[in-house]
Amino acid sequence: MSSTSARPVAASTIKRRAVGRTCSEKIAAMAVICITGSSDGIGLATARVLVADGHRVLIHARSRDRGRPVLEQLGGETTLVTGDLAQFDEVHRLADQIHANGPVDALVHNAGVWVRGNTPRTTADGLETTFAVNVLAPHLLTSLLAAELQGRLLWLGSGSANFGRPDPATLGGPQEPSQAYSDSKACDVALALAWGRRLPRVASAAVDPGWVKTKLASAGAPRDVTSSADTLAYCCTEADLASAPYWKDRAATSVPRHLKDEALQDAIASACDRLARID
């Protein structure tokens, strides 16, 4: 399939093109679930739970070299899809691969970065890297797959979202890494709600994985990734996502007050449309 087969869907046309099961339905056995950033950490742990439960999981890695050992480790019904989320053209190619293996019953935007060390501060497209990977890539991927998404759409939030103060007018601009991460998680929570309105037949929600030991976590995280994986897998298959837009530890949790503003949510989504070149 060519990289032009999946095209971004404009916000004005999404509602009438959305298809799939209603958002209140539970996912049946042997669902197709795609998890970005599933070659390690929370994504890999979640994939392990879902494969053990009999689902088919699309494992996303940045490259085939990173992803092949994961498939060998997991076994079961797994398929590798690849793409560097810091690059627009690779997000388009990733959408083509997901499309070829879909339709998916649940799409999980788990991949994320916290810029430190040798990680470039900006992408080849001139955007701040944390925003590009954590926010713009999942937004673009959702748009590319919007017409065929079924069931569930999950965005990884964080306790850091409470400290995020994203300004739609300056998204993608230079930032201090810690604030860039908090702002990116706030954007993800906001986009979960905005896309819930754009795709009313899809249950779009954010999940706070808690403070767990991952390569992004600060020192002293008290929990391991299995607790986060349990909640993400639950939200992929069982949780009544129509009842709440934000989840933690298998239960609904409060959306940060400043992110409840629908005008802010829509402004962030519109800014992402512009930056991702979605018509």
Protein backbone atom coordinates (compact mmCIF):
# COMPACT_ATOMS: atom_id res chain seq x y z
CA MET A 1 0.00 0.00 0.00
CA SER A 2 1.45 3.38 -0.92
CA SER A 3 2.13 6.09 1.63
CA THR A 4 -0.58 8.22 0.04
CA SER A 5 -3.44 5.78 0.72
CA ALA A 6 -4.19 7.09 4.19
CA ARG A 7 -4.99 10.78 4.16
CA PRO A 8 -5.74 13.13 7.07
CA VAL A 9 -9.45 13.61 7.57
CA ALA A 10 -10.59 17.20 8.00
CA ALA A 11 -12.46 17.93 11.22
CA SER A 12 -15.53 19.09 9.28
CA THR A 13 -15.98 15.68 7.67
CA ILE A 14 -15.04 13.35 10.52
CA LYS A 15 -18.42 13.03 12.22
CA ARG A 16 -20.28 11.85 9.15
CA ARG A 17 -17.51 9.42 8.12
CA ALA A 18 -16.95 7.72 11.48
CA VAL A 19 -17.82 4.03 11.47
CA GLY A 20 -17.64 1.07 13.82
CA ARG A 21 -19.27 -0.24 16.98
CA THR A 22 -20.79 2.14 19.49
CA CYS A 23 -18.46 3.46 22.16
CA SER A 24 -20.27 1.74 25.03
CA GLU A 25 -19.60 -1.79 23.78
CA LYS A 26 -16.94 -4.00 25.32
CA ILE A 27 -14.27 -5.39 23.00
CA ALA A 28 -14.79 -9.03 22.13
CA ALA A 29 -12.15 -11.76 22.24
CA MET A 30 -9.56 -11.65 19.46
CA ALA A 31 -9.80 -7.91 18.93
CA VAL A 32 -7.17 -6.05 16.91
CA ILE A 33 -5.37 -3.55 19.14
CA CYS A 34 -2.53 -1.24 18.08
CA ILE A 35 -0.20 0.18 20.73
CA THR A 36 2.35 2.79 19.74
CA GLY A 37 5.67 2.62 21.52
CA SER A 38 5.20 -1.03 22.47
CA SER A 39 8.77 -2.26 22.16
CA ASP A 40 9.42 -1.55 25.84
CA GLY A 41 7.99 -0.10 29.04
CA ILE A 42 4.26 0.32 29.58
CA GLY A 43 3.45 -0.44 25.94
CA LEU A 44 5.25 -3.78 25.97
CA ALA A 45 3.74 -4.75 29.32
CA THR A 46 0.26 -3.92 28.01
CA ALA A 47 0.85 -5.91 24.83
CA ARG A 48 1.90 -8.88 26.94
CA VAL A 49 -1.39 -8.76 28.88
CA LEU A 50 -3.50 -8.44 25.73
CA VAL A 51 -1.70 -11.23 23.87
CA ALA A 52 -2.15 -13.52 26.86
CA ASP A 53 -5.87 -12.71 26.78
CA GLY A 54 -6.10 -13.83 23.15
CA HIS A 55 -6.09 -10.53 21.30
CA ARG A 56 -4.16 -9.67 18.15
CA VAL A 57 -1.76 -6.84 18.87
CA LEU A 58 -0.02 -4.55 16.40
CA ILE A 59 3.36 -3.86 17.99
CA HIS A 60 4.82 -0.49 17.04
CA ALA A 61 8.55 0.18 17.15
CA ARG A 62 10.72 2.86 15.64
CA SER A 63 12.46 0.29 13.42
CA ARG A 64 12.28 -3.37 12.47
CA ASP A 65 15.53 -4.05 14.33
CA ARG A 66 13.94 -2.80 17.55
CA GLY A 67 10.65 -4.56 16.95
CA ARG A 68 11.60 -8.07 15.78
CA PRO A 69 12.96 -9.26 19.15
CA VAL A 70 9.75 -8.08 20.81
CA LEU A 71 7.60 -10.21 18.51
CA GLU A 72 9.82 -13.22 19.21
CA GLN A 73 9.49 -12.58 22.92
CA LEU A 74 5.70 -12.15 22.90
CA GLY A 75 4.67 -14.88 20.48
CA GLY A 76 0.91 -15.12 19.98
CA GLU A 77 -0.99 -13.07 17.42
CA THR A 78 1.35 -10.12 16.93
CA THR A 79 2.29 -8.01 13.93
CA LEU A 80 5.07 -5.45 13.71
CA VAL A 81 4.40 -1.94 12.42
CA THR A 82 7.18 0.64 12.32
CA GLY A 83 7.75 4.36 12.07
CA ASP A 84 9.62 7.23 13.68
CA LEU A 85 6.93 9.41 15.24
CA ALA A 86 9.18 12.47 15.02
CA GLN A 87 8.78 12.51 11.22
CA PHE A 88 5.56 13.32 9.38
CA ASP A 89 6.27 11.03 6.45
CA GLU A 90 6.90 8.07 8.75
CA VAL A 91 3.64 8.71 10.62
CA HIS A 92 1.89 8.49 7.24
CA ARG A 93 3.67 5.20 6.49
CA LEU A 94 2.74 3.87 9.92
CA ALA A 95 -0.91 4.69 9.22
CA ASP A 96 -0.69 2.70 5.98
CA GLN A 97 0.67 -0.32 7.86
CA ILE A 98 -2.06 -0.12 10.50
CA HIS A 99 -4.66 0.28 7.77
CA ALA A 100 -3.34 -2.85 6.03
CA ASN A 101 -3.72 -4.83 9.25
CA GLY A 102 -7.01 -3.33 10.41
CA PRO A 103 -9.52 -2.19 11.04
CA VAL A 104 -8.37 -1.82 14.64
CA ASP A 105 -10.76 -2.16 17.55
CA ALA A 106 -8.56 -0.06 19.83
CA LEU A 107 -5.76 2.40 19.08
CA VAL A 108 -3.50 3.23 22.02
CA HIS A 109 -1.31 6.33 21.82
CA ASN A 110 1.31 5.17 24.30
CA ALA A 111 4.59 6.31 22.69
CA GLY A 112 6.31 9.25 24.31
CA VAL A 113 9.61 11.03 24.85
CA TRP A 114 11.16 13.32 27.43
CA VAL A 115 14.00 15.22 25.77
CA ARG A 116 17.27 14.66 27.59
CA GLY A 117 20.83 13.60 26.83
CA ASN A 118 21.55 13.31 23.12
CA THR A 119 17.92 13.48 22.02
CA PRO A 120 17.55 16.36 19.51
CA ARG A 121 15.54 19.30 20.84
CA THR A 122 13.82 19.80 17.48
CA THR A 123 12.66 17.53 14.67
CA ALA A 124 13.51 17.66 10.98
CA ASP A 125 10.20 19.50 10.54
CA GLY A 126 11.39 22.24 12.91
CA LEU A 127 9.11 21.37 15.83
CA GLU A 128 10.02 20.86 19.49
CA THR A 129 10.59 17.11 19.78
CA THR A 130 8.44 16.36 22.84
CA PHE A 131 5.43 18.04 21.27
CA ALA A 132 6.04 16.41 17.89
CA VAL A 133 6.21 12.86 19.27
CA ASN A 134 3.83 13.03 22.25
CA VAL A 135 1.12 15.22 20.74
CA LEU A 136 1.30 15.89 17.03
CA ALA A 137 2.11 12.34 15.92
CA PRO A 138 -0.89 10.76 17.71
CA HIS A 139 -3.13 13.57 16.50
CA LEU A 140 -2.03 13.04 12.89
CA LEU A 141 -2.25 9.26 13.20
CA THR A 142 -5.78 9.53 14.56
CA SER A 143 -6.76 11.77 11.66
CA LEU A 144 -5.24 9.39 9.11
CA LEU A 145 -7.19 6.46 10.56
CA ALA A 146 -10.34 8.35 11.61
CA ALA A 147 -12.65 7.00 8.93
CA GLU A 148 -12.02 3.39 9.95
CA LEU A 149 -11.47 3.56 13.71
CA GLN A 150 -13.74 1.27 15.68
CA GLY A 151 -14.49 1.11 19.36
CA ARG A 152 -11.74 2.73 21.43
CA LEU A 153 -9.08 5.44 21.25
CA LEU A 154 -6.72 5.85 24.20
CA TRP A 155 -4.24 8.61 24.98
CA LEU A 156 -1.57 8.32 27.65
CA GLY A 157 -1.97 11.10 30.18
CA SER A 158 0.12 11.67 33.29
CA GLY A 159 0.06 13.35 36.67
CA SER A 160 2.28 15.89 34.91
CA ALA A 161 -0.77 17.05 32.95
CA ASN A 162 -1.82 18.94 36.08
CA PHE A 163 1.20 21.20 35.63
CA GLY A 164 0.86 21.64 31.87
CA ARG A 165 -0.29 25.00 30.54
CA PRO A 166 -0.26 24.59 26.75
CA ASP A 167 -0.86 27.69 24.67
CA PRO A 168 -2.44 26.78 21.30
CA ALA A 169 -0.73 29.78 19.71
CA THR A 170 2.79 28.59 20.54
CA LEU A 171 2.55 24.80 20.25
CA GLY A 172 5.67 23.26 18.74
CA GLY A 173 7.93 26.11 19.77
CA PRO A 174 11.08 25.81 21.91
CA GLN A 175 10.56 24.86 25.56
CA GLU A 176 12.42 23.73 28.64
CA PRO A 177 12.23 19.90 28.59
CA SER A 178 10.33 19.40 31.85
CA GLN A 179 7.66 21.95 30.96
CA ALA A 180 7.50 20.59 27.42
CA TYR A 181 6.66 17.15 28.82
CA SER A 182 3.99 18.48 31.20
CA ASP A 183 2.45 20.54 28.40
CA SER A 184 2.47 17.53 26.08
CA LYS A 185 0.58 15.40 28.59
CA ALA A 186 -1.94 18.19 29.13
CA CYS A 187 -2.41 18.33 25.35
CA ASP A 188 -2.99 14.58 25.23
CA VAL A 189 -5.75 14.79 27.82
CA ALA A 190 -7.30 17.72 25.96
CA LEU A 191 -7.09 15.87 22.63
CA ALA A 192 -8.77 12.81 24.12
CA LEU A 193 -11.80 14.98 24.83
CA ALA A 194 -11.63 16.90 21.56
CA TRP A 195 -11.44 13.72 19.49
CA GLY A 196 -14.32 12.29 21.51
CA ARG A 197 -16.46 15.03 19.99
CA ARG A 198 -14.94 14.69 16.52
CA LEU A 199 -15.54 10.92 16.51
CA PRO A 200 -18.76 10.43 18.49
CA ARG A 201 -18.97 6.71 17.67
CA VAL A 202 -15.51 6.09 19.13
CA ALA A 203 -14.81 6.07 22.87
CA SER A 204 -11.87 8.44 23.26
CA ALA A 205 -10.30 8.65 26.71
CA ALA A 206 -7.01 9.38 28.45
CA VAL A 207 -5.30 7.07 30.93
CA ASP A 208 -2.99 8.21 33.71
CA PRO A 209 -0.51 5.33 34.13
CA GLY A 210 0.68 6.55 37.52
CA TRP A 211 4.26 7.07 38.64
CA VAL A 212 5.95 3.88 37.50
CA LYS A 213 9.47 2.79 36.68
CA THR A 214 10.09 3.55 32.99
CA LYS A 215 12.90 5.17 31.04
CA LEU A 216 10.97 8.47 31.22
CA ALA A 217 10.24 8.39 34.96
CA SER A 218 12.18 10.40 37.48
CA ALA A 219 14.11 8.50 40.14
CA GLY A 220 12.08 6.99 42.95
CA ALA A 221 9.01 5.82 41.03
CA PRO A 222 7.30 3.43 43.49
CA ARG A 223 5.47 1.12 41.08
CA ASP A 224 6.37 -1.00 38.08
CA VAL A 225 4.80 -1.09 34.64
CA THR A 226 2.50 -4.04 35.37
CA SER A 227 0.06 -1.80 37.25
CA SER A 228 -0.14 0.61 34.33
CA ALA A 229 -0.47 -2.28 31.87
CA ASP A 230 -3.37 -3.74 33.82
CA THR A 231 -5.30 -0.47 33.60
CA LEU A 232 -4.47 0.15 29.93
CA ALA A 233 -5.51 -3.38 28.96
CA TYR A 234 -8.73 -2.94 30.96
CA CYS A 235 -9.47 0.33 29.18
CA CYS A 236 -8.73 -1.32 25.81
CA THR A 237 -11.29 -4.06 26.35
CA GLU A 238 -13.66 -3.70 29.30
CA ALA A 239 -13.97 -0.23 30.81
CA ASP A 240 -17.10 1.77 30.05
CA LEU A 241 -15.17 4.63 28.47
CA ALA A 242 -18.38 6.41 27.57
CA SER A 243 -18.90 7.05 31.27
CA ALA A 244 -15.68 9.01 31.83
CA PRO A 245 -12.91 10.58 29.73
CA TYR A 246 -10.01 10.00 32.14
CA TRP A 247 -8.94 6.80 33.94
CA LYS A 248 -6.39 5.64 36.50
CA ASP A 249 -6.06 2.33 38.35
CA ARG A 250 -9.10 0.83 36.59
CA ALA A 251 -11.34 3.67 37.76
CA ALA A 252 -12.51 7.01 36.46
CA THR A 253 -10.47 9.97 37.66
CA SER A 254 -10.94 13.73 37.43
CA VAL A 255 -9.82 15.70 34.40
CA PRO A 256 -7.59 18.57 35.58
CA ARG A 257 -9.83 21.60 35.98
CA HIS A 258 -8.02 23.79 33.47
CA LEU A 259 -8.31 21.07 30.80
CA LYS A 260 -12.10 20.81 31.04
CA ASP A 261 -12.50 23.91 28.87
CA GLU A 262 -13.91 22.72 25.52
CA ALA A 263 -12.75 25.90 23.79
CA LEU A 264 -9.16 25.14 24.88
CA GLN A 265 -9.48 21.50 23.80
CA ASP A 266 -10.74 22.51 20.37
CA ALA A 267 -8.10 25.22 20.00
CA ILE A 268 -5.35 22.69 20.72
CA ALA A 269 -6.86 20.28 18.20
CA SER A 270 -7.15 23.01 15.57
CA ALA A 271 -3.56 24.10 16.13
CA CYS A 272 -2.49 20.46 15.69
CA ASP A 273 -4.51 20.30 12.46
CA ARG A 274 -2.56 23.26 11.14
CA LEU A 275 0.86 22.04 12.27
CA ALA A 276 0.24 18.51 10.93
CA ARG A 277 -1.01 19.96 7.64
CA ILE A 278 -4.46 18.48 7.97
CA ASP A 279 -6.86 20.26 5.62
